[in-house]
Amino acid sequence: TMTSAESASFTSRHPPGGYMLGKRRRGALAEVDNAKFSRFHVEVCLVAGVGFFTDAYDIFAINIASVMLGYVYGGDGWCCHHKLSINQDLGVKVAAPIGTLLGQLLFGWLADVGRKSNQG
């Protein structure tokens, strides 16, 4: 078992929450927690909502876009089956969420690079 001094030393190095935040980070989080509600909060919620809406719209609209692509590019010209083949339809529907994921990663990284270069 640990002595009381060892226990106090261990607790100070390993807090119950898992890790210890630096003073600067604790101060920043406290400032966010204690901030008064302002127009900035509304703007952040609107920007996040618009981003979520456009991603969700893209994912759900791909089913309709796939049918439209079938009318334009589907069929072999001899018949009236204006549909994409199963593989083409699957490719279009798989490309949409993959593009969304890659776009989120790329533009998130670009936002971090821009933020760090502007804020130092």
PDB file of N, CA and C in Angstrom:
ATOM      1  N   THR A   1       0.840  -1.195   0.000  1.00  0.00           N
ATOM      2  CA  THR A   1       0.000   0.000   0.000  1.00  0.00           C
ATOM      3  C   THR A   1       0.876   1.247   0.000  1.00  0.00           C
ATOM      4  N   MET A   2       0.271   2.380  -0.371  1.00  0.00           N
ATOM      5  CA  MET A   2       1.004   3.647  -0.439  1.00  0.00           C
ATOM      6  C   MET A   2       0.860   4.392   0.884  1.00  0.00           C
ATOM      7  N   THR A   3       1.895   5.137   1.198  1.00  0.00           N
ATOM      8  CA  THR A   3       1.805   6.017   2.350  1.00  0.00           C
ATOM      9  C   THR A   3       0.973   7.226   1.969  1.00  0.00           C
ATOM     10  N   SER A   4       0.604   8.033   2.944  1.00  0.00           N
ATOM     11  CA  SER A   4      -0.226   9.209   2.642  1.00  0.00           C
ATOM     12  C   SER A   4       0.525  10.209   1.770  1.00  0.00           C
ATOM     13  N   ALA A   5       1.842  10.334   1.934  1.00  0.00           N
ATOM     14  CA  ALA A   5       2.630  11.246   1.104  1.00  0.00           C
ATOM     15  C   ALA A   5       2.693  10.739  -0.334  1.00  0.00           C
ATOM     16  N   GLU A   6       2.874   9.420  -0.496  1.00  0.00           N
ATOM     17  CA  GLU A   6       2.890   8.843  -1.833  1.00  0.00           C
ATOM     18  C   GLU A   6       1.523   8.981  -2.510  1.00  0.00           C
ATOM     19  N   SER A   7       0.483   8.784  -1.730  1.00  0.00           N
ATOM     20  CA  SER A   7      -0.868   8.903  -2.266  1.00  0.00           C
ATOM     21  C   SER A   7      -1.152  10.332  -2.722  1.00  0.00           C
ATOM     22  N   ALA A   8      -0.748  11.311  -1.930  1.00  0.00           N
ATOM     23  CA  ALA A   8      -0.953  12.713  -2.295  1.00  0.00           C
ATOM     24  C   ALA A   8      -0.146  13.064  -3.535  1.00  0.00           C
ATOM     25  N   SER A   9       1.082  12.544  -3.620  1.00  0.00           N
ATOM     26  CA  SER A   9       1.922  12.810  -4.779  1.00  0.00           C
ATOM     27  C   SER A   9       1.316  12.177  -6.037  1.00  0.00           C
ATOM     28  N   PHE A  10       0.819  10.943  -5.895  1.00  0.00           N
ATOM     29  CA  PHE A  10       0.202  10.266  -7.033  1.00  0.00           C
ATOM     30  C   PHE A  10      -1.060  11.001  -7.483  1.00  0.00           C
ATOM     31  N   THR A  11      -1.883  11.446  -6.537  1.00  0.00           N
ATOM     32  CA  THR A  11      -3.129  12.145  -6.868  1.00  0.00           C
ATOM     33  C   THR A  11      -2.843  13.468  -7.547  1.00  0.00           C
ATOM     34  N   SER A  12      -1.784  14.158  -7.135  1.00  0.00           N
ATOM     35  CA  SER A  12      -1.471  15.435  -7.774  1.00  0.00           C
ATOM     36  C   SER A  12      -0.970  15.236  -9.205  1.00  0.00           C
ATOM     37  N   ARG A  13      -0.313  14.103  -9.470  1.00  0.00           N
ATOM     38  CA  ARG A  13       0.170  13.828 -10.829  1.00  0.00           C
ATOM     39  C   ARG A  13      -0.878  13.152 -11.695  1.00  0.00           C
ATOM     40  N   HIS A  14      -1.810  12.417 -11.101  1.00  0.00           N
ATOM     41  CA  HIS A  14      -2.838  11.670 -11.831  1.00  0.00           C
ATOM     42  C   HIS A  14      -4.213  11.988 -11.243  1.00  0.00           C
ATOM     43  N   PRO A  15      -4.830  13.078 -11.650  1.00  0.00           N
ATOM     44  CA  PRO A  15      -6.124  13.443 -11.078  1.00  0.00           C
ATOM     45  C   PRO A  15      -7.209  12.440 -11.476  1.00  0.00           C
ATOM     46  N   PRO A  16      -8.323  12.424 -10.768  1.00  0.00           N
ATOM     47  CA  PRO A  16      -9.392  11.454 -11.036  1.00  0.00           C
ATOM     48  C   PRO A  16      -9.957  11.554 -12.457  1.00  0.00           C
ATOM     49  N   GLY A  17      -9.915  12.741 -13.088  1.00  0.00           N
ATOM     50  CA  GLY A  17     -10.454  12.909 -14.433  1.00  0.00           C
ATOM     51  C   GLY A  17      -9.607  12.277 -15.514  1.00  0.00           C
ATOM     52  N   GLY A  18      -8.428  11.791 -15.217  1.00  0.00           N
ATOM     53  CA  GLY A  18      -7.601  11.125 -16.201  1.00  0.00           C
ATOM     54  C   GLY A  18      -6.329  11.882 -16.544  1.00  0.00           C
ATOM     55  N   TYR A  19      -6.391  13.192 -16.674  1.00  0.00           N
ATOM     56  CA  TYR A  19      -5.195  13.966 -16.979  1.00  0.00           C
ATOM     57  C   TYR A  19      -5.376  15.381 -16.463  1.00  0.00           C
ATOM     58  N   MET A  20      -4.255  16.048 -16.307  1.00  0.00           N
ATOM     59  CA  MET A  20      -4.272  17.386 -15.749  1.00  0.00           C
ATOM     60  C   MET A  20      -4.139  18.410 -16.871  1.00  0.00           C
ATOM     61  N   LEU A  21      -5.009  19.402 -16.872  1.00  0.00           N
ATOM     62  CA  LEU A  21      -4.949  20.456 -17.875  1.00  0.00           C
ATOM     63  C   LEU A  21      -3.958  21.518 -17.441  1.00  0.00           C
ATOM     64  N   GLY A  22      -3.295  22.109 -18.422  1.00  0.00           N
ATOM     65  CA  GLY A  22      -2.392  23.209 -18.121  1.00  0.00           C
ATOM     66  C   GLY A  22      -3.179  24.440 -17.690  1.00  0.00           C
ATOM     67  N   LYS A  23      -2.488  25.378 -17.052  1.00  0.00           N
ATOM     68  CA  LYS A  23      -3.157  26.599 -16.579  1.00  0.00           C
ATOM     69  C   LYS A  23      -3.802  27.366 -17.719  1.00  0.00           C
ATOM     70  N   ARG A  24      -3.112  27.459 -18.830  1.00  0.00           N
ATOM     71  CA  ARG A  24      -3.634  28.220 -19.971  1.00  0.00           C
ATOM     72  C   ARG A  24      -4.928  27.587 -20.502  1.00  0.00           C
ATOM     73  N   ARG A  25      -4.925  26.274 -20.620  1.00  0.00           N
ATOM     74  CA  ARG A  25      -6.113  25.583 -21.135  1.00  0.00           C
ATOM     75  C   ARG A  25      -7.257  25.658 -20.133  1.00  0.00           C
ATOM     76  N   ARG A  26      -6.971  25.469 -18.855  1.00  0.00           N
ATOM     77  CA  ARG A  26      -8.013  25.589 -17.827  1.00  0.00           C
ATOM     78  C   ARG A  26      -8.619  26.983 -17.837  1.00  0.00           C
ATOM     79  N   GLY A  27      -7.767  28.003 -18.010  1.00  0.00           N
ATOM     80  CA  GLY A  27      -8.255  29.379 -18.071  1.00  0.00           C
ATOM     81  C   GLY A  27      -9.155  29.611 -19.276  1.00  0.00           C
ATOM     82  N   ALA A  28      -8.766  29.054 -20.424  1.00  0.00           N
ATOM     83  CA  ALA A  28      -9.572  29.210 -21.639  1.00  0.00           C
ATOM     84  C   ALA A  28     -10.913  28.513 -21.486  1.00  0.00           C
ATOM     85  N   LEU A  29     -10.912  27.327 -20.917  1.00  0.00           N
ATOM     86  CA  LEU A  29     -12.174  26.605 -20.715  1.00  0.00           C
ATOM     87  C   LEU A  29     -13.059  27.307 -19.696  1.00  0.00           C
ATOM     88  N   ALA A  30     -12.470  27.858 -18.655  1.00  0.00           N
ATOM     89  CA  ALA A  30     -13.255  28.596 -17.668  1.00  0.00           C
ATOM     90  C   ALA A  30     -13.871  29.846 -18.292  1.00  0.00           C
ATOM     91  N   GLU A  31     -13.117  30.504 -19.176  1.00  0.00           N
ATOM     92  CA  GLU A  31     -13.646  31.693 -19.853  1.00  0.00           C
ATOM     93  C   GLU A  31     -14.838  31.326 -20.733  1.00  0.00           C
ATOM     94  N   VAL A  32     -14.752  30.199 -21.429  1.00  0.00           N
ATOM     95  CA  VAL A  32     -15.868  29.749 -22.260  1.00  0.00           C
ATOM     96  C   VAL A  32     -17.070  29.382 -21.393  1.00  0.00           C
ATOM     97  N   ASP A  33     -16.822  28.688 -20.282  1.00  0.00           N
ATOM     98  CA  ASP A  33     -17.920  28.288 -19.393  1.00  0.00           C
ATOM     99  C   ASP A  33     -18.624  29.481 -18.766  1.00  0.00           C
ATOM    100  N   ASN A  34     -17.891  30.527 -18.469  1.00  0.00           N
ATOM    101  CA  ASN A  34     -18.466  31.677 -17.771  1.00  0.00           C
ATOM    102  C   ASN A  34     -18.891  32.806 -18.705  1.00  0.00           C
ATOM    103  N   ALA A  35     -18.778  32.613 -20.007  1.00  0.00           N
ATOM    104  CA  ALA A  35     -19.113  33.668 -20.965  1.00  0.00           C
ATOM    105  C   ALA A  35     -20.613  33.940 -20.962  1.00  0.00           C
ATOM    106  N   LYS A  36     -20.972  35.192 -21.121  1.00  0.00           N
ATOM    107  CA  LYS A  36     -22.371  35.591 -21.237  1.00  0.00           C
ATOM    108  C   LYS A  36     -22.861  35.249 -22.639  1.00  0.00           C
ATOM    109  N   PHE A  37     -24.145  34.938 -22.740  1.00  0.00           N
ATOM    110  CA  PHE A  37     -24.739  34.637 -24.035  1.00  0.00           C
ATOM    111  C   PHE A  37     -24.716  35.895 -24.891  1.00  0.00           C
ATOM    112  N   SER A  38     -24.234  35.758 -26.124  1.00  0.00           N
ATOM    113  CA  SER A  38     -24.111  36.931 -26.993  1.00  0.00           C
ATOM    114  C   SER A  38     -24.437  36.561 -28.436  1.00  0.00           C
ATOM    115  N   ARG A  39     -24.331  37.540 -29.303  1.00  0.00           N
ATOM    116  CA  ARG A  39     -24.575  37.339 -30.725  1.00  0.00           C
ATOM    117  C   ARG A  39     -23.590  36.319 -31.303  1.00  0.00           C
ATOM    118  N   PHE A  40     -22.385  36.271 -30.776  1.00  0.00           N
ATOM    119  CA  PHE A  40     -21.375  35.321 -31.230  1.00  0.00           C
ATOM    120  C   PHE A  40     -21.877  33.883 -31.105  1.00  0.00           C
ATOM    121  N   HIS A  41     -22.540  33.562 -29.993  1.00  0.00           N
ATOM    122  CA  HIS A  41     -23.062  32.214 -29.786  1.00  0.00           C
ATOM    123  C   HIS A  41     -24.109  31.860 -30.842  1.00  0.00           C
ATOM    124  N   VAL A  42     -24.949  32.825 -31.174  1.00  0.00           N
ATOM    125  CA  VAL A  42     -25.967  32.608 -32.209  1.00  0.00           C
ATOM    126  C   VAL A  42     -25.295  32.363 -33.558  1.00  0.00           C
ATOM    127  N   GLU A  43     -24.274  33.156 -33.879  1.00  0.00           N
ATOM    128  CA  GLU A  43     -23.574  32.994 -35.149  1.00  0.00           C
ATOM    129  C   GLU A  43     -22.890  31.627 -35.236  1.00  0.00           C
ATOM    130  N   VAL A  44     -22.268  31.179 -34.158  1.00  0.00           N
ATOM    131  CA  VAL A  44     -21.607  29.875 -34.157  1.00  0.00           C
ATOM    132  C   VAL A  44     -22.635  28.765 -34.379  1.00  0.00           C
ATOM    133  N   CYS A  45     -23.779  28.856 -33.715  1.00  0.00           N
ATOM    134  CA  CYS A  45     -24.828  27.850 -33.896  1.00  0.00           C
ATOM    135  C   CYS A  45     -25.366  27.866 -35.321  1.00  0.00           C
ATOM    136  N   LEU A  46     -25.535  29.051 -35.904  1.00  0.00           N
ATOM    137  CA  LEU A  46     -26.024  29.138 -37.280  1.00  0.00           C
ATOM    138  C   LEU A  46     -25.023  28.547 -38.272  1.00  0.00           C
ATOM    139  N   VAL A  47     -23.739  28.846 -38.096  1.00  0.00           N
ATOM    140  CA  VAL A  47     -22.713  28.306 -38.995  1.00  0.00           C
ATOM    141  C   VAL A  47     -22.657  26.787 -38.880  1.00  0.00           C
ATOM    142  N   ALA A  48     -22.689  26.263 -37.656  1.00  0.00           N
ATOM    143  CA  ALA A  48     -22.668  24.814 -37.467  1.00  0.00           C
ATOM    144  C   ALA A  48     -23.925  24.177 -38.059  1.00  0.00           C
ATOM    145  N   GLY A  49     -25.072  24.828 -37.885  1.00  0.00           N
ATOM    146  CA  GLY A  49     -26.325  24.303 -38.432  1.00  0.00           C
ATOM    147  C   GLY A  49     -26.330  24.284 -39.946  1.00  0.00           C
ATOM    148  N   VAL A  50     -25.805  25.325 -40.567  1.00  0.00           N
ATOM    149  CA  VAL A  50     -25.745  25.376 -42.035  1.00  0.00           C
ATOM    150  C   VAL A  50     -24.804  24.284 -42.551  1.00  0.00           C
ATOM    151  N   GLY A  51     -23.685  24.094 -41.888  1.00  0.00           N
ATOM    152  CA  GLY A  51     -22.763  23.030 -42.290  1.00  0.00           C
ATOM    153  C   GLY A  51     -23.399  21.661 -42.182  1.00  0.00           C
ATOM    154  N   PHE A  52     -24.103  21.413 -41.085  1.00  0.00           N
ATOM    155  CA  PHE A  52     -24.789  20.121 -40.914  1.00  0.00           C
ATOM    156  C   PHE A  52     -25.869  19.949 -41.976  1.00  0.00           C
ATOM    157  N   PHE A  53     -26.637  21.009 -42.244  1.00  0.00           N
ATOM    158  CA  PHE A  53     -27.711  20.934 -43.230  1.00  0.00           C
ATOM    159  C   PHE A  53     -27.175  20.605 -44.612  1.00  0.00           C
ATOM    160  N   THR A  54     -26.090  21.267 -45.020  1.00  0.00           N
ATOM    161  CA  THR A  54     -25.567  21.023 -46.363  1.00  0.00           C
ATOM    162  C   THR A  54     -24.996  19.614 -46.499  1.00  0.00           C
ATOM    163  N   ASP A  55     -24.329  19.109 -45.453  1.00  0.00           N
ATOM    164  CA  ASP A  55     -23.839  17.730 -45.507  1.00  0.00           C
ATOM    165  C   ASP A  55     -24.996  16.744 -45.562  1.00  0.00           C
ATOM    166  N   ALA A  56     -26.004  16.939 -44.725  1.00  0.00           N
ATOM    167  CA  ALA A  56     -27.140  16.028 -44.704  1.00  0.00           C
ATOM    168  C   ALA A  56     -27.919  16.101 -46.012  1.00  0.00           C
ATOM    169  N   TYR A  57     -28.091  17.296 -46.542  1.00  0.00           N
ATOM    170  CA  TYR A  57     -28.811  17.455 -47.809  1.00  0.00           C
ATOM    171  C   TYR A  57     -28.090  16.708 -48.922  1.00  0.00           C
ATOM    172  N   ASP A  58     -26.785  16.825 -48.963  1.00  0.00           N
ATOM    173  CA  ASP A  58     -25.996  16.145 -49.983  1.00  0.00           C
ATOM    174  C   ASP A  58     -26.168  14.635 -49.883  1.00  0.00           C
ATOM    175  N   ILE A  59     -26.127  14.111 -48.683  1.00  0.00           N
ATOM    176  CA  ILE A  59     -26.223  12.661 -48.491  1.00  0.00           C
ATOM    177  C   ILE A  59     -27.608  12.152 -48.880  1.00  0.00           C
ATOM    178  N   PHE A  60     -28.666  12.891 -48.530  1.00  0.00           N
ATOM    179  CA  PHE A  60     -30.016  12.423 -48.836  1.00  0.00           C
ATOM    180  C   PHE A  60     -30.430  12.726 -50.270  1.00  0.00           C
ATOM    181  N   ALA A  61     -29.899  13.773 -50.869  1.00  0.00           N
ATOM    182  CA  ALA A  61     -30.278  14.129 -52.234  1.00  0.00           C
ATOM    183  C   ALA A  61     -29.596  13.255 -53.281  1.00  0.00           C
ATOM    184  N   ILE A  62     -28.595  12.483 -52.888  1.00  0.00           N
ATOM    185  CA  ILE A  62     -27.879  11.671 -53.867  1.00  0.00           C
ATOM    186  C   ILE A  62     -28.787  10.609 -54.467  1.00  0.00           C
ATOM    187  N   ASN A  63     -29.810  10.157 -53.741  1.00  0.00           N
ATOM    188  CA  ASN A  63     -30.739   9.169 -54.301  1.00  0.00           C
ATOM    189  C   ASN A  63     -31.516   9.761 -55.474  1.00  0.00           C
ATOM    190  N   ILE A  64     -31.961  10.992 -55.348  1.00  0.00           N
ATOM    191  CA  ILE A  64     -32.681  11.648 -56.437  1.00  0.00           C
ATOM    192  C   ILE A  64     -31.722  11.959 -57.582  1.00  0.00           C
ATOM    193  N   ALA A  65     -30.530  12.399 -57.240  1.00  0.00           N
ATOM    194  CA  ALA A  65     -29.534  12.710 -58.278  1.00  0.00           C
ATOM    195  C   ALA A  65     -29.168  11.457 -59.065  1.00  0.00           C
ATOM    196  N   SER A  66     -29.145  10.316 -58.412  1.00  0.00           N
ATOM    197  CA  SER A  66     -28.826   9.066 -59.094  1.00  0.00           C
ATOM    198  C   SER A  66     -29.882   8.735 -60.149  1.00  0.00           C
ATOM    199  N   VAL A  67     -31.153   8.963 -59.823  1.00  0.00           N
ATOM    200  CA  VAL A  67     -32.225   8.734 -60.799  1.00  0.00           C
ATOM    201  C   VAL A  67     -32.076   9.702 -61.970  1.00  0.00           C
ATOM    202  N   MET A  68     -31.775  10.975 -61.671  1.00  0.00           N
ATOM    203  CA  MET A  68     -31.597  11.957 -62.743  1.00  0.00           C
ATOM    204  C   MET A  68     -30.416  11.607 -63.634  1.00  0.00           C
ATOM    205  N   LEU A  69     -29.340  11.152 -63.042  1.00  0.00           N
ATOM    206  CA  LEU A  69     -28.183  10.726 -63.835  1.00  0.00           C
ATOM    207  C   LEU A  69     -28.545   9.547 -64.729  1.00  0.00           C
ATOM    208  N   GLY A  70     -29.424   8.685 -64.234  1.00  0.00           N
ATOM    209  CA  GLY A  70     -29.886   7.562 -65.042  1.00  0.00           C
ATOM    210  C   GLY A  70     -30.632   8.020 -66.275  1.00  0.00           C
ATOM    211  N   TYR A  71     -31.468   9.053 -66.152  1.00  0.00           N
ATOM    212  CA  TYR A  71     -32.196   9.573 -67.312  1.00  0.00           C
ATOM    213  C   TYR A  71     -31.247  10.190 -68.337  1.00  0.00           C
ATOM    214  N   VAL A  72     -30.180  10.807 -67.863  1.00  0.00           N
ATOM    215  CA  VAL A  72     -29.253  11.463 -68.784  1.00  0.00           C
ATOM    216  C   VAL A  72     -28.254  10.467 -69.378  1.00  0.00           C
ATOM    217  N   TYR A  73     -27.657   9.626 -68.536  1.00  0.00           N
ATOM    218  CA  TYR A  73     -26.563   8.768 -68.994  1.00  0.00           C
ATOM    219  C   TYR A  73     -26.916   7.282 -69.043  1.00  0.00           C
ATOM    220  N   GLY A  74     -28.082   6.899 -68.553  1.00  0.00           N
ATOM    221  CA  GLY A  74     -28.427   5.482 -68.487  1.00  0.00           C
ATOM    222  C   GLY A  74     -28.936   4.938 -69.805  1.00  0.00           C
ATOM    223  N   GLY A  75     -29.045   3.638 -69.881  1.00  0.00           N
ATOM    224  CA  GLY A  75     -29.558   2.976 -71.071  1.00  0.00           C
ATOM    225  C   GLY A  75     -28.491   2.832 -72.139  1.00  0.00           C
ATOM    226  N   ASP A  76     -28.793   1.971 -73.093  1.00  0.00           N
ATOM    227  CA  ASP A  76     -27.822   1.725 -74.162  1.00  0.00           C
ATOM    228  C   ASP A  76     -28.228   2.364 -75.486  1.00  0.00           C
ATOM    229  N   GLY A  77     -29.282   3.155 -75.485  1.00  0.00           N
ATOM    230  CA  GLY A  77     -29.695   3.840 -76.696  1.00  0.00           C
ATOM    231  C   GLY A  77     -30.727   3.071 -77.502  1.00  0.00           C
ATOM    232  N   TRP A  78     -30.859   1.750 -77.315  1.00  0.00           N
ATOM    233  CA  TRP A  78     -31.811   0.939 -78.072  1.00  0.00           C
ATOM    234  C   TRP A  78     -33.115   0.740 -77.323  1.00  0.00           C
ATOM    235  N   CYS A  79     -33.100   1.022 -76.048  1.00  0.00           N
ATOM    236  CA  CYS A  79     -34.317   0.790 -75.269  1.00  0.00           C
ATOM    237  C   CYS A  79     -34.653   2.018 -74.439  1.00  0.00           C
ATOM    238  N   CYS A  80     -35.716   1.960 -73.729  1.00  0.00           N
ATOM    239  CA  CYS A  80     -36.181   3.105 -72.944  1.00  0.00           C
ATOM    240  C   CYS A  80     -35.821   2.995 -71.475  1.00  0.00           C
ATOM    241  N   HIS A  81     -34.956   2.089 -71.132  1.00  0.00           N
ATOM    242  CA  HIS A  81     -34.573   1.925 -69.729  1.00  0.00           C
ATOM    243  C   HIS A  81     -33.528   2.978 -69.371  1.00  0.00           C
ATOM    244  N   HIS A  82     -34.018   4.095 -68.931  1.00  0.00           N
ATOM    245  CA  HIS A  82     -33.111   5.180 -68.558  1.00  0.00           C
ATOM    246  C   HIS A  82     -32.731   5.024 -67.094  1.00  0.00           C
ATOM    247  N   LYS A  83     -31.864   4.065 -66.843  1.00  0.00           N
ATOM    248  CA  LYS A  83     -31.392   3.802 -65.486  1.00  0.00           C
ATOM    249  C   LYS A  83     -29.891   3.554 -65.529  1.00  0.00           C
ATOM    250  N   LEU A  84     -29.241   3.895 -64.460  1.00  0.00           N
ATOM    251  CA  LEU A  84     -27.829   3.533 -64.335  1.00  0.00           C
ATOM    252  C   LEU A  84     -27.747   2.048 -64.036  1.00  0.00           C
ATOM    253  N   SER A  85     -26.641   1.435 -64.408  1.00  0.00           N
ATOM    254  CA  SER A  85     -26.441   0.037 -64.025  1.00  0.00           C
ATOM    255  C   SER A  85     -26.284  -0.032 -62.505  1.00  0.00           C
ATOM    256  N   ILE A  86     -26.377  -1.208 -61.973  1.00  0.00           N
ATOM    257  CA  ILE A  86     -26.262  -1.384 -60.515  1.00  0.00           C
ATOM    258  C   ILE A  86     -24.903  -0.882 -60.030  1.00  0.00           C
ATOM    259  N   ASN A  87     -23.854  -1.189 -60.762  1.00  0.00           N
ATOM    260  CA  ASN A  87     -22.511  -0.746 -60.355  1.00  0.00           C
ATOM    261  C   ASN A  87     -22.361   0.769 -60.441  1.00  0.00           C
ATOM    262  N   GLN A  88     -22.931   1.375 -61.491  1.00  0.00           N
ATOM    263  CA  GLN A  88     -22.863   2.834 -61.611  1.00  0.00           C
ATOM    264  C   GLN A  88     -23.648   3.507 -60.485  1.00  0.00           C
ATOM    265  N   ASP A  89     -24.837   2.979 -60.209  1.00  0.00           N
ATOM    266  CA  ASP A  89     -25.670   3.529 -59.141  1.00  0.00           C
ATOM    267  C   ASP A  89     -24.960   3.414 -57.793  1.00  0.00           C
ATOM    268  N   LEU A  90     -24.376   2.255 -57.545  1.00  0.00           N
ATOM    269  CA  LEU A  90     -23.633   2.047 -56.296  1.00  0.00           C
ATOM    270  C   LEU A  90     -22.434   2.984 -56.217  1.00  0.00           C
ATOM    271  N   GLY A  91     -21.724   3.165 -57.325  1.00  0.00           N
ATOM    272  CA  GLY A  91     -20.565   4.055 -57.335  1.00  0.00           C
ATOM    273  C   GLY A  91     -20.935   5.486 -57.001  1.00  0.00           C
ATOM    274  N   VAL A  92     -22.051   5.965 -57.565  1.00  0.00           N
ATOM    275  CA  VAL A  92     -22.507   7.331 -57.272  1.00  0.00           C
ATOM    276  C   VAL A  92     -22.887   7.460 -55.807  1.00  0.00           C
ATOM    277  N   LYS A  93     -23.604   6.466 -55.291  1.00  0.00           N
ATOM    278  CA  LYS A  93     -24.087   6.548 -53.904  1.00  0.00           C
ATOM    279  C   LYS A  93     -22.977   6.347 -52.876  1.00  0.00           C
ATOM    280  N   VAL A  94     -21.934   5.636 -53.237  1.00  0.00           N
ATOM    281  CA  VAL A  94     -20.794   5.465 -52.322  1.00  0.00           C
ATOM    282  C   VAL A  94     -19.872   6.678 -52.391  1.00  0.00           C
ATOM    283  N   ALA A  95     -19.781   7.305 -53.558  1.00  0.00           N
ATOM    284  CA  ALA A  95     -18.901   8.461 -53.711  1.00  0.00           C
ATOM    285  C   ALA A  95     -19.369   9.650 -52.870  1.00  0.00           C
ATOM    286  N   ALA A  96     -20.678   9.775 -52.663  1.00  0.00           N
ATOM    287  CA  ALA A  96     -21.197  10.924 -51.909  1.00  0.00           C
ATOM    288  C   ALA A  96     -20.703  10.951 -50.455  1.00  0.00           C
ATOM    289  N   PRO A  97     -20.894   9.891 -49.652  1.00  0.00           N
ATOM    290  CA  PRO A  97     -20.390   9.964 -48.274  1.00  0.00           C
ATOM    291  C   PRO A  97     -18.866   9.964 -48.185  1.00  0.00           C
ATOM    292  N   ILE A  98     -18.209   9.311 -49.144  1.00  0.00           N
ATOM    293  CA  ILE A  98     -16.739   9.344 -49.127  1.00  0.00           C
ATOM    294  C   ILE A  98     -16.254  10.766 -49.407  1.00  0.00           C
ATOM    295  N   GLY A  99     -16.885  11.439 -50.367  1.00  0.00           N
ATOM    296  CA  GLY A  99     -16.537  12.832 -50.644  1.00  0.00           C
ATOM    297  C   GLY A  99     -16.822  13.737 -49.467  1.00  0.00           C
ATOM    298  N   THR A 100     -17.931  13.468 -48.766  1.00  0.00           N
ATOM    299  CA  THR A 100     -18.254  14.255 -47.576  1.00  0.00           C
ATOM    300  C   THR A 100     -17.185  14.072 -46.508  1.00  0.00           C
ATOM    301  N   LEU A 101     -16.776  12.837 -46.276  1.00  0.00           N
ATOM    302  CA  LEU A 101     -15.752  12.555 -45.268  1.00  0.00           C
ATOM    303  C   LEU A 101     -14.420  13.208 -45.636  1.00  0.00           C
ATOM    304  N   LEU A 102     -14.002  13.036 -46.879  1.00  0.00           N
ATOM    305  CA  LEU A 102     -12.728  13.628 -47.297  1.00  0.00           C
ATOM    306  C   LEU A 102     -12.785  15.153 -47.257  1.00  0.00           C
ATOM    307  N   GLY A 103     -13.930  15.726 -47.623  1.00  0.00           N
ATOM    308  CA  GLY A 103     -14.090  17.181 -47.549  1.00  0.00           C
ATOM    309  C   GLY A 103     -14.016  17.691 -46.122  1.00  0.00           C
ATOM    310  N   GLN A 104     -14.639  16.965 -45.192  1.00  0.00           N
ATOM    311  CA  GLN A 104     -14.571  17.373 -43.792  1.00  0.00           C
ATOM    312  C   GLN A 104     -13.142  17.331 -43.276  1.00  0.00           C
ATOM    313  N   LEU A 105     -12.436  16.265 -43.621  1.00  0.00           N
ATOM    314  CA  LEU A 105     -11.047  16.156 -43.162  1.00  0.00           C
ATOM    315  C   LEU A 105     -10.163  17.232 -43.793  1.00  0.00           C
ATOM    316  N   LEU A 106     -10.295  17.427 -45.098  1.00  0.00           N
ATOM    317  CA  LEU A 106      -9.457  18.408 -45.784  1.00  0.00           C
ATOM    318  C   LEU A 106      -9.748  19.827 -45.305  1.00  0.00           C
ATOM    319  N   PHE A 107     -11.015  20.218 -45.284  1.00  0.00           N
ATOM    320  CA  PHE A 107     -11.334  21.592 -44.910  1.00  0.00           C
ATOM    321  C   PHE A 107     -11.168  21.823 -43.407  1.00  0.00           C
ATOM    322  N   GLY A 108     -11.314  20.789 -42.589  1.00  0.00           N
ATOM    323  CA  GLY A 108     -10.995  20.920 -41.171  1.00  0.00           C
ATOM    324  C   GLY A 108      -9.510  21.174 -40.963  1.00  0.00           C
ATOM    325  N   TRP A 109      -8.691  20.432 -41.702  1.00  0.00           N
ATOM    326  CA  TRP A 109      -7.243  20.639 -41.619  1.00  0.00           C
ATOM    327  C   TRP A 109      -6.864  22.038 -42.117  1.00  0.00           C
ATOM    328  N   LEU A 110      -7.460  22.462 -43.242  1.00  0.00           N
ATOM    329  CA  LEU A 110      -7.178  23.804 -43.757  1.00  0.00           C
ATOM    330  C   LEU A 110      -7.601  24.891 -42.769  1.00  0.00           C
ATOM    331  N   ALA A 111      -8.726  24.674 -42.092  1.00  0.00           N
ATOM    332  CA  ALA A 111      -9.178  25.661 -41.090  1.00  0.00           C
ATOM    333  C   ALA A 111      -8.193  25.728 -39.928  1.00  0.00           C
ATOM    334  N   ASP A 112      -7.660  24.573 -39.505  1.00  0.00           N
ATOM    335  CA  ASP A 112      -6.677  24.575 -38.425  1.00  0.00           C
ATOM    336  C   ASP A 112      -5.393  25.257 -38.850  1.00  0.00           C
ATOM    337  N   VAL A 113      -4.955  24.999 -40.078  1.00  0.00           N
ATOM    338  CA  VAL A 113      -3.738  25.652 -40.574  1.00  0.00           C
ATOM    339  C   VAL A 113      -3.927  27.147 -40.620  1.00  0.00           C
ATOM    340  N   GLY A 114      -5.064  27.599 -41.140  1.00  0.00           N
ATOM    341  CA  GLY A 114      -5.341  29.037 -41.203  1.00  0.00           C
ATOM    342  C   GLY A 114      -5.468  29.661 -39.830  1.00  0.00           C
ATOM    343  N   ARG A 115      -6.120  28.950 -38.909  1.00  0.00           N
ATOM    344  CA  ARG A 115      -6.280  29.478 -37.558  1.00  0.00           C
ATOM    345  C   ARG A 115      -4.928  29.605 -36.860  1.00  0.00           C
ATOM    346  N   LYS A 116      -4.093  28.587 -37.009  1.00  0.00           N
ATOM    347  CA  LYS A 116      -2.784  28.627 -36.347  1.00  0.00           C
ATOM    348  C   LYS A 116      -1.875  29.685 -36.955  1.00  0.00           C
ATOM    349  N   SER A 117      -1.969  29.879 -38.270  1.00  0.00           N
ATOM    350  CA  SER A 117      -1.106  30.892 -38.877  1.00  0.00           C
ATOM    351  C   SER A 117      -1.582  32.305 -38.521  1.00  0.00           C
ATOM    352  N   ASN A 118      -2.874  32.489 -38.309  1.00  0.00           N
ATOM    353  CA  ASN A 118      -3.393  33.797 -37.938  1.00  0.00           C
ATOM    354  C   ASN A 118      -3.225  34.100 -36.445  1.00  0.00           C
ATOM    355  N   GLN A 119      -3.320  33.055 -35.607  1.00  0.00           N
ATOM    356  CA  GLN A 119      -3.268  33.275 -34.160  1.00  0.00           C
ATOM    357  C   GLN A 119      -1.899  32.998 -33.567  1.00  0.00           C
ATOM    358  N   GLY A 120      -1.030  32.441 -34.347  1.00  0.00           N
ATOM    359  CA  GLY A 120       0.323  32.221 -33.862  1.00  0.00           C
ATOM    360  C   GLY A 120       0.562  30.953 -33.183  1.00  0.00           C
TER     361      GLY A 120
END
